[in-house]
Every structure is written in C-alpha cells, then in structure tokens.
C-alpha cells in the first residue's frame, strides 16, 4: 500500500476531487496553506495500491493547472529612490509525495 499526498491550489480542489471520485479513488481532504505566498491549498491524502499510484498522479496532473500571478516584491533600495514592484510567479499545479504504508485500517 502507498500513501499519496497531493497538494493542489484551492482553485483546482473541486476538479481534482471530482476526477478522483469518478475513477473510484477515495481521498481525505485537508485545508492547508503554502509557505511562500500564504495562499490556500487543499492537501489530498490518498491510500491506494501500488499499481494505482500512477493513476492518482496522472489525475492530479490533468486537473491541476499552473497559472501566473503578480505579487508585490520586497522593497528594494535603489539610488534613485525606487521602491517595490510586482513580480510574476507561477502558482498552481500539484506537489505530490508518495510514501509506503505499514498498516492501514478503516474502523
């Protein structure tokens, strides 16, 4: 058995959840926050057979899209008195971890 942690942007939460259920894959969802932008994410915890891991990953890839967003940069001290300016960053997609499971029970 494997445990897949899939961290996706909140904007993709519904699409990923729906696609996993459509394939018969059950998941536990946790609200989480990213450290870089402090933006809302959803962390899916999915216990599955080893042969289903690729299906889980492919489903998350298919339904988690990357997008661009502008965020304010830190104030930069320049000789001409310039200040902070927006910086474009890529957000979204999925961050996925796969671990072994020693024991799994639903009681």
Protein backbone atom coordinates (compact mmCIF):
# COMPACT_ATOMS: atom_id res chain seq x y z
CA UNK A 1 0.00 0.00 0.00
CA UNK A 2 1.05 3.57 -0.68
CA UNK A 3 0.03 6.92 0.77
CA UNK A 4 -0.09 9.76 -1.75
CA UNK A 5 -0.08 13.34 -0.50
CA UNK A 6 -1.21 15.65 -3.31
CA UNK A 7 -1.14 19.37 -2.56
CA UNK A 8 -3.17 21.40 -5.05
CA UNK A 9 -4.30 25.01 -5.31
CA UNK A 10 -7.78 25.64 -3.88
CA UNK A 11 -8.92 26.71 -7.36
CA UNK A 12 -8.32 23.12 -8.55
CA UNK A 13 -9.76 21.38 -5.49
CA UNK A 14 -13.18 20.60 -6.97
CA UNK A 15 -11.86 19.34 -10.32
CA UNK A 16 -9.29 17.03 -8.72
CA UNK A 17 -11.77 15.73 -6.15
CA UNK A 18 -14.43 15.04 -8.79
CA UNK A 19 -11.95 13.30 -11.12
CA UNK A 20 -10.60 11.07 -8.33
CA UNK A 21 -14.12 10.04 -7.29
CA UNK A 22 -15.04 9.32 -10.91
CA UNK A 23 -12.14 6.84 -11.01
CA UNK A 24 -13.24 5.24 -7.73
CA UNK A 25 -10.37 6.72 -5.73
CA UNK A 26 -11.29 7.90 -2.25
CA UNK A 27 -9.36 10.71 -0.59
CA UNK A 28 -9.26 12.64 2.64
CA UNK A 29 -9.02 16.40 2.08
CA UNK A 30 -7.24 18.80 4.41
CA UNK A 31 -7.14 22.59 4.20
CA UNK A 32 -3.52 23.76 4.02
CA UNK A 33 -1.57 26.93 3.41
CA UNK A 34 1.52 27.39 1.26
CA UNK A 35 4.57 28.93 2.90
CA UNK A 36 5.71 31.14 0.02
CA UNK A 37 2.54 33.08 -0.82
CA UNK A 38 0.47 32.03 2.20
CA UNK A 39 -2.22 31.02 -0.28
CA UNK A 40 -4.91 28.42 0.33
CA UNK A 41 -4.30 24.87 -0.81
CA UNK A 42 -6.01 21.54 -0.42
CA UNK A 43 -3.96 18.51 0.60
CA UNK A 44 -5.38 15.18 -0.54
CA UNK A 45 -4.36 12.09 1.45
CA UNK A 46 -4.93 9.01 -0.69
CA UNK A 47 -4.22 5.46 0.40
CA UNK A 48 -4.04 3.17 -2.62
CA UNK A 49 -2.46 0.05 -4.06
CA UNK A 50 0.97 0.48 -5.60
CA UNK A 51 -0.43 -0.15 -9.09
CA UNK A 52 -2.88 2.78 -8.66
CA UNK A 53 -0.25 5.41 -7.80
CA UNK A 54 0.30 6.42 -11.43
CA UNK A 55 -3.46 6.83 -11.93
CA UNK A 56 -3.63 9.12 -8.89
CA UNK A 57 -0.65 11.19 -10.07
CA UNK A 58 -1.94 11.43 -13.65
CA UNK A 59 -5.37 12.53 -12.40
CA UNK A 60 -3.83 15.26 -10.25
CA UNK A 61 -1.63 16.42 -13.16
CA UNK A 62 -4.59 16.54 -15.53
CA UNK A 63 -6.82 18.59 -13.23
CA UNK A 64 -4.27 20.89 -11.54
CA UNK A 65 -3.22 23.71 -13.80
CA UNK A 66 -0.40 26.18 -13.38
CA UNK A 67 -1.17 29.88 -13.64
CA UNK A 68 0.72 33.16 -13.40
CA UNK A 69 0.11 35.69 -10.62
CA UNK A 70 1.69 39.02 -9.74
CA UNK A 71 2.81 39.51 -6.14
CA UNK A 72 4.48 42.52 -4.55
CA UNK A 73 8.22 42.18 -4.11
CA UNK A 74 10.16 43.30 -1.08
CA UNK A 75 11.10 46.96 -1.08
CA UNK A 76 14.34 47.42 -2.97
CA UNK A 77 16.56 50.33 -2.02
CA UNK A 78 17.91 51.97 -5.14
CA UNK A 79 19.93 55.19 -5.57
CA UNK A 80 17.09 56.83 -7.48
CA UNK A 81 14.60 56.10 -4.68
CA UNK A 82 12.82 53.21 -6.46
CA UNK A 83 10.54 51.07 -4.37
CA UNK A 84 8.78 47.74 -4.53
CA UNK A 85 7.37 46.41 -7.76
CA UNK A 86 5.19 43.43 -8.68
CA UNK A 87 6.89 40.16 -9.59
CA UNK A 88 5.25 37.45 -11.71
CA UNK A 89 5.29 33.98 -10.15
CA UNK A 90 3.87 30.63 -11.22
CA UNK A 91 1.29 29.10 -8.88
CA UNK A 92 -0.89 26.03 -9.04
CA UNK A 93 -0.08 22.62 -10.37
CA UNK A 94 0.36 19.86 -7.83
CA UNK A 95 3.07 18.86 -5.38
CA UNK A 96 2.90 15.13 -4.80
CA UNK A 97 4.61 12.87 -2.26
CA UNK A 98 4.33 9.06 -2.25
CA UNK A 99 5.20 7.06 0.85
CA UNK A 100 4.96 3.43 1.93
CA UNK A 101 2.20 2.39 4.33
CA UNK A 102 2.96 -0.13 7.02
CA UNK A 103 -0.63 -0.50 8.17
CA UNK A 104 -3.98 0.85 7.04
CA UNK A 105 -7.34 0.41 8.74
CA UNK A 106 -10.78 1.92 8.39
CA UNK A 107 -12.76 1.39 11.57
